[in-house]
PDB file of N, CA and C in Angstrom:
ATOM      1  N   UNK A   1     -47.553  14.736  -7.491  1.00  0.00           N
ATOM      2  CA  UNK A   1     -48.228  15.439  -8.572  1.00  0.00           C
ATOM      3  C   UNK A   1     -49.161  16.487  -7.977  1.00  0.00           C
ATOM      4  N   UNK A   2     -49.219  17.653  -8.586  1.00  0.00           N
ATOM      5  CA  UNK A   2     -50.067  18.716  -8.048  1.00  0.00           C
ATOM      6  C   UNK A   2     -51.530  18.441  -8.380  1.00  0.00           C
ATOM      7  N   UNK A   3     -52.418  19.039  -7.599  1.00  0.00           N
ATOM      8  CA  UNK A   3     -53.836  18.800  -7.764  1.00  0.00           C
ATOM      9  C   UNK A   3     -54.523  19.794  -8.677  1.00  0.00           C
ATOM     10  N   UNK A   4     -53.785  20.709  -9.283  1.00  0.00           N
ATOM     11  CA  UNK A   4     -54.447  21.707 -10.117  1.00  0.00           C
ATOM     12  C   UNK A   4     -54.497  21.257 -11.569  1.00  0.00           C
ATOM     13  N   UNK A   5     -55.514  21.734 -12.259  1.00  0.00           N
ATOM     14  CA  UNK A   5     -55.638  21.479 -13.691  1.00  0.00           C
ATOM     15  C   UNK A   5     -55.903  22.799 -14.389  1.00  0.00           C
ATOM     16  N   UNK A   6     -55.517  22.853 -15.636  1.00  0.00           N
ATOM     17  CA  UNK A   6     -55.741  24.053 -16.432  1.00  0.00           C
ATOM     18  C   UNK A   6     -57.233  24.182 -16.732  1.00  0.00           C
ATOM     19  N   UNK A   7     -57.682  25.409 -16.887  1.00  0.00           N
ATOM     20  CA  UNK A   7     -59.062  25.621 -17.318  1.00  0.00           C
ATOM     21  C   UNK A   7     -59.198  25.138 -18.760  1.00  0.00           C
ATOM     22  N   UNK A   8     -60.316  24.521 -19.056  1.00  0.00           N
ATOM     23  CA  UNK A   8     -60.570  24.071 -20.416  1.00  0.00           C
ATOM     24  C   UNK A   8     -61.259  25.184 -21.201  1.00  0.00           C
ATOM     25  N   UNK A   9     -61.309  25.001 -22.507  1.00  0.00           N
ATOM     26  CA  UNK A   9     -61.997  25.981 -23.341  1.00  0.00           C
ATOM     27  C   UNK A   9     -63.482  26.037 -22.968  1.00  0.00           C
ATOM     28  N   UNK A  10     -64.065  24.880 -22.658  1.00  0.00           N
ATOM     29  CA  UNK A  10     -65.481  24.845 -22.263  1.00  0.00           C
ATOM     30  C   UNK A  10     -65.710  25.638 -20.979  1.00  0.00           C
ATOM     31  N   UNK A  11     -64.790  25.501 -20.028  1.00  0.00           N
ATOM     32  CA  UNK A  11     -64.930  26.252 -18.779  1.00  0.00           C
ATOM     33  C   UNK A  11     -64.821  27.754 -19.033  1.00  0.00           C
ATOM     34  N   UNK A  12     -63.973  28.130 -19.967  1.00  0.00           N
ATOM     35  CA  UNK A  12     -63.849  29.559 -20.297  1.00  0.00           C
ATOM     36  C   UNK A  12     -65.152  30.090 -20.910  1.00  0.00           C
ATOM     37  N   UNK A  13     -65.809  29.289 -21.726  1.00  0.00           N
ATOM     38  CA  UNK A  13     -67.101  29.704 -22.279  1.00  0.00           C
ATOM     39  C   UNK A  13     -68.158  29.771 -21.174  1.00  0.00           C
ATOM     40  N   UNK A  14     -68.090  28.851 -20.214  1.00  0.00           N
ATOM     41  CA  UNK A  14     -69.032  28.896 -19.095  1.00  0.00           C
ATOM     42  C   UNK A  14     -68.808  30.162 -18.264  1.00  0.00           C
ATOM     43  N   UNK A  15     -67.552  30.514 -18.037  1.00  0.00           N
ATOM     44  CA  UNK A  15     -67.252  31.749 -17.306  1.00  0.00           C
ATOM     45  C   UNK A  15     -67.870  32.934 -18.037  1.00  0.00           C
ATOM     46  N   UNK A  16     -67.697  32.973 -19.344  1.00  0.00           N
ATOM     47  CA  UNK A  16     -68.234  34.066 -20.159  1.00  0.00           C
ATOM     48  C   UNK A  16     -69.759  34.147 -20.030  1.00  0.00           C
ATOM     49  N   UNK A  17     -70.427  33.005 -20.180  1.00  0.00           N
ATOM     50  CA  UNK A  17     -71.894  32.977 -20.126  1.00  0.00           C
ATOM     51  C   UNK A  17     -72.396  33.386 -18.744  1.00  0.00           C
ATOM     52  N   UNK A  18     -71.772  32.846 -17.708  1.00  0.00           N
ATOM     53  CA  UNK A  18     -72.206  33.168 -16.350  1.00  0.00           C
ATOM     54  C   UNK A  18     -71.923  34.634 -16.016  1.00  0.00           C
ATOM     55  N   UNK A  19     -70.813  35.163 -16.508  1.00  0.00           N
ATOM     56  CA  UNK A  19     -70.494  36.576 -16.282  1.00  0.00           C
ATOM     57  C   UNK A  19     -71.551  37.455 -16.970  1.00  0.00           C
ATOM     58  N   UNK A  20     -71.944  37.080 -18.183  1.00  0.00           N
ATOM     59  CA  UNK A  20     -72.988  37.812 -18.902  1.00  0.00           C
ATOM     60  C   UNK A  20     -74.324  37.753 -18.167  1.00  0.00           C
ATOM     61  N   UNK A  21     -74.560  36.642 -17.471  1.00  0.00           N
ATOM     62  CA  UNK A  21     -75.800  36.477 -16.701  1.00  0.00           C
ATOM     63  C   UNK A  21     -75.687  37.149 -15.333  1.00  0.00           C
ATOM     64  N   UNK A  22     -74.628  37.908 -15.137  1.00  0.00           N
ATOM     65  CA  UNK A  22     -74.389  38.698 -13.928  1.00  0.00           C
ATOM     66  C   UNK A  22     -74.184  37.859 -12.667  1.00  0.00           C
ATOM     67  N   UNK A  23     -73.602  36.683 -12.843  1.00  0.00           N
ATOM     68  CA  UNK A  23     -73.190  35.897 -11.693  1.00  0.00           C
ATOM     69  C   UNK A  23     -71.940  36.550 -11.104  1.00  0.00           C
ATOM     70  N   UNK A  24     -71.758  36.435  -9.799  1.00  0.00           N
ATOM     71  CA  UNK A  24     -70.541  36.950  -9.176  1.00  0.00           C
ATOM     72  C   UNK A  24     -69.415  35.956  -9.416  1.00  0.00           C
ATOM     73  N   UNK A  25     -68.186  36.380  -9.169  1.00  0.00           N
ATOM     74  CA  UNK A  25     -67.046  35.480  -9.342  1.00  0.00           C
ATOM     75  C   UNK A  25     -67.153  34.277  -8.411  1.00  0.00           C
ATOM     76  N   UNK A  26     -67.637  34.510  -7.207  1.00  0.00           N
ATOM     77  CA  UNK A  26     -67.810  33.408  -6.246  1.00  0.00           C
ATOM     78  C   UNK A  26     -68.831  32.409  -6.786  1.00  0.00           C
ATOM     79  N   UNK A  27     -69.937  32.891  -7.331  1.00  0.00           N
ATOM     80  CA  UNK A  27     -70.972  32.012  -7.881  1.00  0.00           C
ATOM     81  C   UNK A  27     -70.447  31.244  -9.094  1.00  0.00           C
ATOM     82  N   UNK A  28     -69.676  31.916  -9.924  1.00  0.00           N
ATOM     83  CA  UNK A  28     -69.089  31.258 -11.100  1.00  0.00           C
ATOM     84  C   UNK A  28     -68.152  30.143 -10.642  1.00  0.00           C
ATOM     85  N   UNK A  29     -67.314  30.434  -9.657  1.00  0.00           N
ATOM     86  CA  UNK A  29     -66.382  29.432  -9.138  1.00  0.00           C
ATOM     87  C   UNK A  29     -67.147  28.228  -8.591  1.00  0.00           C
ATOM     88  N   UNK A  30     -68.222  28.472  -7.882  1.00  0.00           N
ATOM     89  CA  UNK A  30     -69.034  27.377  -7.334  1.00  0.00           C
ATOM     90  C   UNK A  30     -69.634  26.539  -8.457  1.00  0.00           C
ATOM     91  N   UNK A  31     -70.143  27.189  -9.496  1.00  0.00           N
ATOM     92  CA  UNK A  31     -70.748  26.472 -10.628  1.00  0.00           C
ATOM     93  C   UNK A  31     -69.716  25.579 -11.328  1.00  0.00           C
ATOM     94  N   UNK A  32     -68.490  26.075 -11.432  1.00  0.00           N
ATOM     95  CA  UNK A  32     -67.440  25.327 -12.128  1.00  0.00           C
ATOM     96  C   UNK A  32     -66.726  24.321 -11.227  1.00  0.00           C
ATOM     97  N   UNK A  33     -66.944  24.446  -9.917  1.00  0.00           N
ATOM     98  CA  UNK A  33     -66.218  23.591  -8.996  1.00  0.00           C
ATOM     99  C   UNK A  33     -64.748  23.977  -8.914  1.00  0.00           C
ATOM    100  N   UNK A  34     -64.483  25.264  -9.061  1.00  0.00           N
ATOM    101  CA  UNK A  34     -63.122  25.813  -9.028  1.00  0.00           C
ATOM    102  C   UNK A  34     -62.985  26.763  -7.861  1.00  0.00           C
ATOM    103  N   UNK A  35     -61.746  27.048  -7.506  1.00  0.00           N
ATOM    104  CA  UNK A  35     -61.483  28.026  -6.462  1.00  0.00           C
ATOM    105  C   UNK A  35     -61.792  29.425  -6.995  1.00  0.00           C
ATOM    106  N   UNK A  36     -62.258  30.291  -6.116  1.00  0.00           N
ATOM    107  CA  UNK A  36     -62.584  31.666  -6.499  1.00  0.00           C
ATOM    108  C   UNK A  36     -61.365  32.369  -7.101  1.00  0.00           C
ATOM    109  N   UNK A  37     -60.179  32.099  -6.556  1.00  0.00           N
ATOM    110  CA  UNK A  37     -58.972  32.761  -7.070  1.00  0.00           C
ATOM    111  C   UNK A  37     -58.670  32.360  -8.507  1.00  0.00           C
ATOM    112  N   UNK A  38     -59.043  31.144  -8.908  1.00  0.00           N
ATOM    113  CA  UNK A  38     -58.835  30.696 -10.287  1.00  0.00           C
ATOM    114  C   UNK A  38     -59.665  31.540 -11.242  1.00  0.00           C
ATOM    115  N   UNK A  39     -60.924  31.738 -10.895  1.00  0.00           N
ATOM    116  CA  UNK A  39     -61.821  32.536 -11.742  1.00  0.00           C
ATOM    117  C   UNK A  39     -61.361  33.992 -11.750  1.00  0.00           C
ATOM    118  N   UNK A  40     -61.006  34.508 -10.592  1.00  0.00           N
ATOM    119  CA  UNK A  40     -60.530  35.883 -10.494  1.00  0.00           C
ATOM    120  C   UNK A  40     -59.297  36.095 -11.369  1.00  0.00           C
ATOM    121  N   UNK A  41     -58.331  35.193 -11.258  1.00  0.00           N
ATOM    122  CA  UNK A  41     -57.094  35.302 -12.041  1.00  0.00           C
ATOM    123  C   UNK A  41     -57.386  35.204 -13.540  1.00  0.00           C
ATOM    124  N   UNK A  42     -58.280  34.302 -13.908  1.00  0.00           N
ATOM    125  CA  UNK A  42     -58.640  34.137 -15.323  1.00  0.00           C
ATOM    126  C   UNK A  42     -59.251  35.419 -15.881  1.00  0.00           C
ATOM    127  N   UNK A  43     -60.167  36.005 -15.139  1.00  0.00           N
ATOM    128  CA  UNK A  43     -60.831  37.224 -15.616  1.00  0.00           C
ATOM    129  C   UNK A  43     -59.858  38.403 -15.667  1.00  0.00           C
ATOM    130  N   UNK A  44     -58.953  38.501 -14.711  1.00  0.00           N
ATOM    131  CA  UNK A  44     -57.979  39.598 -14.706  1.00  0.00           C
ATOM    132  C   UNK A  44     -56.943  39.423 -15.803  1.00  0.00           C
ATOM    133  N   UNK A  45     -56.414  38.227 -15.927  1.00  0.00           N
ATOM    134  CA  UNK A  45     -55.304  37.975 -16.840  1.00  0.00           C
ATOM    135  C   UNK A  45     -55.727  38.055 -18.299  1.00  0.00           C
ATOM    136  N   UNK A  46     -56.885  37.549 -18.628  1.00  0.00           N
ATOM    137  CA  UNK A  46     -57.266  37.403 -20.025  1.00  0.00           C
ATOM    138  C   UNK A  46     -58.330  38.384 -20.491  1.00  0.00           C
ATOM    139  N   UNK A  47     -58.464  39.472 -19.786  1.00  0.00           N
ATOM    140  CA  UNK A  47     -59.417  40.504 -20.210  1.00  0.00           C
ATOM    141  C   UNK A  47     -58.735  41.379 -21.251  1.00  0.00           C
ATOM    142  N   UNK A  48     -59.336  41.510 -22.380  1.00  0.00           N
ATOM    143  CA  UNK A  48     -58.791  42.343 -23.451  1.00  0.00           C
ATOM    144  C   UNK A  48     -59.827  43.402 -23.805  1.00  0.00           C
ATOM    145  N   UNK A  49     -59.360  44.587 -24.029  1.00  0.00           N
ATOM    146  CA  UNK A  49     -60.204  45.726 -24.352  1.00  0.00           C
ATOM    147  C   UNK A  49     -61.262  45.932 -23.266  1.00  0.00           C
ATOM    148  N   UNK A  50     -62.500  45.565 -23.524  1.00  0.00           N
ATOM    149  CA  UNK A  50     -63.565  45.902 -22.579  1.00  0.00           C
ATOM    150  C   UNK A  50     -64.087  44.731 -21.766  1.00  0.00           C
ATOM    151  N   UNK A  51     -64.087  43.544 -22.342  1.00  0.00           N
ATOM    152  CA  UNK A  51     -64.703  42.424 -21.632  1.00  0.00           C
ATOM    153  C   UNK A  51     -63.946  41.129 -21.895  1.00  0.00           C
ATOM    154  N   UNK A  52     -64.230  40.152 -21.087  1.00  0.00           N
ATOM    155  CA  UNK A  52     -63.632  38.823 -21.197  1.00  0.00           C
ATOM    156  C   UNK A  52     -64.132  38.142 -22.460  1.00  0.00           C
ATOM    157  N   UNK A  53     -63.220  37.595 -23.228  1.00  0.00           N
ATOM    158  CA  UNK A  53     -63.563  36.875 -24.454  1.00  0.00           C
ATOM    159  C   UNK A  53     -62.972  35.473 -24.362  1.00  0.00           C
ATOM    160  N   UNK A  54     -63.811  34.440 -24.277  1.00  0.00           N
ATOM    161  CA  UNK A  54     -63.305  33.089 -24.015  1.00  0.00           C
ATOM    162  C   UNK A  54     -62.392  32.533 -25.107  1.00  0.00           C
ATOM    163  N   UNK A  55     -62.692  32.806 -26.360  1.00  0.00           N
ATOM    164  CA  UNK A  55     -61.860  32.275 -27.442  1.00  0.00           C
ATOM    165  C   UNK A  55     -60.455  32.867 -27.367  1.00  0.00           C
ATOM    166  N   UNK A  56     -60.370  34.180 -27.204  1.00  0.00           N
ATOM    167  CA  UNK A  56     -59.071  34.837 -27.101  1.00  0.00           C
ATOM    168  C   UNK A  56     -58.360  34.416 -25.815  1.00  0.00           C
ATOM    169  N   UNK A  57     -59.110  34.280 -24.718  1.00  0.00           N
ATOM    170  CA  UNK A  57     -58.515  33.877 -23.441  1.00  0.00           C
ATOM    171  C   UNK A  57     -57.881  32.495 -23.560  1.00  0.00           C
ATOM    172  N   UNK A  58     -58.561  31.594 -24.253  1.00  0.00           N
ATOM    173  CA  UNK A  58     -58.021  30.249 -24.417  1.00  0.00           C
ATOM    174  C   UNK A  58     -56.757  30.287 -25.279  1.00  0.00           C
ATOM    175  N   UNK A  59     -56.788  31.089 -26.335  1.00  0.00           N
ATOM    176  CA  UNK A  59     -55.601  31.227 -27.181  1.00  0.00           C
ATOM    177  C   UNK A  59     -54.416  31.783 -26.409  1.00  0.00           C
ATOM    178  N   UNK A  60     -54.653  32.774 -25.572  1.00  0.00           N
ATOM    179  CA  UNK A  60     -53.578  33.352 -24.753  1.00  0.00           C
ATOM    180  C   UNK A  60     -53.039  32.327 -23.760  1.00  0.00           C
ATOM    181  N   UNK A  61     -53.931  31.535 -23.170  1.00  0.00           N
ATOM    182  CA  UNK A  61     -53.507  30.517 -22.207  1.00  0.00           C
ATOM    183  C   UNK A  61     -52.649  29.453 -22.885  1.00  0.00           C
ATOM    184  N   UNK A  62     -53.060  29.026 -24.075  1.00  0.00           N
ATOM    185  CA  UNK A  62     -52.283  28.031 -24.823  1.00  0.00           C
ATOM    186  C   UNK A  62     -50.917  28.608 -25.182  1.00  0.00           C
ATOM    187  N   UNK A  63     -50.879  29.862 -25.604  1.00  0.00           N
ATOM    188  CA  UNK A  63     -49.605  30.501 -25.944  1.00  0.00           C
ATOM    189  C   UNK A  63     -48.688  30.582 -24.726  1.00  0.00           C
ATOM    190  N   UNK A  64     -49.243  30.920 -23.564  1.00  0.00           N
ATOM    191  CA  UNK A  64     -48.432  30.969 -22.340  1.00  0.00           C
ATOM    192  C   UNK A  64     -47.874  29.591 -22.003  1.00  0.00           C
ATOM    193  N   UNK A  65     -48.709  28.578 -22.154  1.00  0.00           N
ATOM    194  CA  UNK A  65     -48.282  27.214 -21.847  1.00  0.00           C
ATOM    195  C   UNK A  65     -47.138  26.787 -22.765  1.00  0.00           C
ATOM    196  N   UNK A  66     -47.257  27.106 -24.064  1.00  0.00           N
ATOM    197  CA  UNK A  66     -46.199  26.745 -25.017  1.00  0.00           C
ATOM    198  C   UNK A  66     -44.926  27.535 -24.766  1.00  0.00           C
ATOM    199  N   UNK A  67     -45.063  28.774 -24.352  1.00  0.00           N
ATOM    200  CA  UNK A  67     -43.886  29.604 -24.079  1.00  0.00           C
ATOM    201  C   UNK A  67     -43.097  29.049 -22.894  1.00  0.00           C
ATOM    202  N   UNK A  68     -43.794  28.428 -21.958  1.00  0.00           N
ATOM    203  CA  UNK A  68     -43.135  27.883 -20.773  1.00  0.00           C
ATOM    204  C   UNK A  68     -42.608  26.460 -20.995  1.00  0.00           C
ATOM    205  N   UNK A  69     -42.879  25.871 -22.146  1.00  0.00           N
ATOM    206  CA  UNK A  69     -42.556  24.465 -22.387  1.00  0.00           C
ATOM    207  C   UNK A  69     -41.171  24.278 -22.999  1.00  0.00           C
ATOM    208  N   UNK A  70     -40.222  25.105 -22.646  1.00  0.00           N
ATOM    209  CA  UNK A  70     -38.862  24.958 -23.159  1.00  0.00           C
ATOM    210  C   UNK A  70     -38.143  23.806 -22.488  1.00  0.00           C
ATOM    211  N   UNK A  71     -36.957  23.491 -22.973  1.00  0.00           N
ATOM    212  CA  UNK A  71     -36.199  22.391 -22.371  1.00  0.00           C
ATOM    213  C   UNK A  71     -35.783  22.724 -20.944  1.00  0.00           C
ATOM    214  N   UNK A  72     -35.791  21.735 -20.095  1.00  0.00           N
ATOM    215  CA  UNK A  72     -35.393  21.946 -18.705  1.00  0.00           C
ATOM    216  C   UNK A  72     -33.874  21.948 -18.575  1.00  0.00           C
ATOM    217  N   UNK A  73     -33.205  21.152 -19.408  1.00  0.00           N
ATOM    218  CA  UNK A  73     -31.745  21.137 -19.423  1.00  0.00           C
ATOM    219  C   UNK A  73     -31.323  21.379 -20.865  1.00  0.00           C
ATOM    220  N   UNK A  74     -30.507  22.399 -21.080  1.00  0.00           N
ATOM    221  CA  UNK A  74     -30.105  22.781 -22.423  1.00  0.00           C
ATOM    222  C   UNK A  74     -28.986  21.896 -22.951  1.00  0.00           C
ATOM    223  N   UNK A  75     -28.804  21.902 -24.262  1.00  0.00           N
ATOM    224  CA  UNK A  75     -27.866  21.016 -24.939  1.00  0.00           C
ATOM    225  C   UNK A  75     -26.450  21.141 -24.380  1.00  0.00           C
ATOM    226  N   UNK A  76     -25.982  22.353 -24.137  1.00  0.00           N
ATOM    227  CA  UNK A  76     -24.621  22.532 -23.626  1.00  0.00           C
ATOM    228  C   UNK A  76     -24.458  21.877 -22.256  1.00  0.00           C
ATOM    229  N   UNK A  77     -25.466  22.014 -21.416  1.00  0.00           N
ATOM    230  CA  UNK A  77     -25.418  21.376 -20.096  1.00  0.00           C
ATOM    231  C   UNK A  77     -25.405  19.863 -20.240  1.00  0.00           C
ATOM    232  N   UNK A  78     -26.205  19.321 -21.182  1.00  0.00           N
ATOM    233  CA  UNK A  78     -26.220  17.873 -21.397  1.00  0.00           C
ATOM    234  C   UNK A  78     -24.846  17.385 -21.841  1.00  0.00           C
ATOM    235  N   UNK A  79     -24.179  18.145 -22.685  1.00  0.00           N
ATOM    236  CA  UNK A  79     -22.840  17.755 -23.149  1.00  0.00           C
ATOM    237  C   UNK A  79     -21.883  17.660 -21.964  1.00  0.00           C
ATOM    238  N   UNK A  80     -21.955  18.631 -21.066  1.00  0.00           N
ATOM    239  CA  UNK A  80     -21.083  18.616 -19.892  1.00  0.00           C
ATOM    240  C   UNK A  80     -21.429  17.441 -18.978  1.00  0.00           C
ATOM    241  N   UNK A  81     -22.683  17.162 -18.802  1.00  0.00           N
ATOM    242  CA  UNK A  81     -23.108  16.038 -17.961  1.00  0.00           C
ATOM    243  C   UNK A  81     -22.605  14.723 -18.546  1.00  0.00           C
ATOM    244  N   UNK A  82     -22.808  14.541 -19.852  1.00  0.00           N
ATOM    245  CA  UNK A  82     -22.360  13.314 -20.504  1.00  0.00           C
ATOM    246  C   UNK A  82     -20.850  13.154 -20.402  1.00  0.00           C
ATOM    247  N   UNK A  83     -20.113  14.245 -20.563  1.00  0.00           N
ATOM    248  CA  UNK A  83     -18.654  14.190 -20.447  1.00  0.00           C
ATOM    249  C   UNK A  83     -18.240  13.756 -19.046  1.00  0.00           C
ATOM    250  N   UNK A  84     -18.887  14.283 -18.027  1.00  0.00           N
ATOM    251  CA  UNK A  84     -18.548  13.917 -16.650  1.00  0.00           C
ATOM    252  C   UNK A  84     -18.927  12.462 -16.348  1.00  0.00           C
ATOM    253  N   UNK A  85     -20.049  12.004 -16.882  1.00  0.00           N
ATOM    254  CA  UNK A  85     -20.449  10.612 -16.681  1.00  0.00           C
ATOM    255  C   UNK A  85     -19.434   9.681 -17.338  1.00  0.00           C
ATOM    256  N   UNK A  86     -18.947  10.058 -18.524  1.00  0.00           N
ATOM    257  CA  UNK A  86     -17.911   9.263 -19.193  1.00  0.00           C
ATOM    258  C   UNK A  86     -16.638   9.231 -18.357  1.00  0.00           C
ATOM    259  N   UNK A  87     -16.413  10.246 -17.553  1.00  0.00           N
ATOM    260  CA  UNK A  87     -15.253  10.298 -16.652  1.00  0.00           C
ATOM    261  C   UNK A  87     -15.560   9.583 -15.335  1.00  0.00           C
ATOM    262  N   UNK A  88     -16.700   8.912 -15.271  1.00  0.00           N
ATOM    263  CA  UNK A  88     -17.161   8.135 -14.137  1.00  0.00           C
ATOM    264  C   UNK A  88     -17.536   9.042 -12.966  1.00  0.00           C
ATOM    265  N   UNK A  89     -18.013  10.239 -13.235  1.00  0.00           N
ATOM    266  CA  UNK A  89     -18.569  11.087 -12.195  1.00  0.00           C
ATOM    267  C   UNK A  89     -20.006  10.637 -11.933  1.00  0.00           C
ATOM    268  N   UNK A  90     -20.484  10.903 -10.771  1.00  0.00           N
ATOM    269  CA  UNK A  90     -21.855  10.552 -10.429  1.00  0.00           C
ATOM    270  C   UNK A  90     -22.765  11.735 -10.730  1.00  0.00           C
ATOM    271  N   UNK A  91     -23.929  11.475 -11.296  1.00  0.00           N
ATOM    272  CA  UNK A  91     -24.830  12.589 -11.559  1.00  0.00           C
ATOM    273  C   UNK A  91     -25.387  13.122 -10.264  1.00  0.00           C
TER     274      UNK A  91
END
């Protein structure tokens, strides 16, 4: 299992508040206990118009997560697998 976790909505609000307080990305990462690249990527990816908005950033992150949550094996492939197993093929 990988050691990474998604940023929470609370962490996104903390990023916003700390950014407004003129903390650097490194300082924000230290406060959150996250890697600097995580904060950097979050600020780059979810910046809309002029500044980072935590509510919109969280919505975009959830949408990305749902977009990636498709089936790993599609129905047609499952049909072929089941047919081969019925023919006593090994998966």
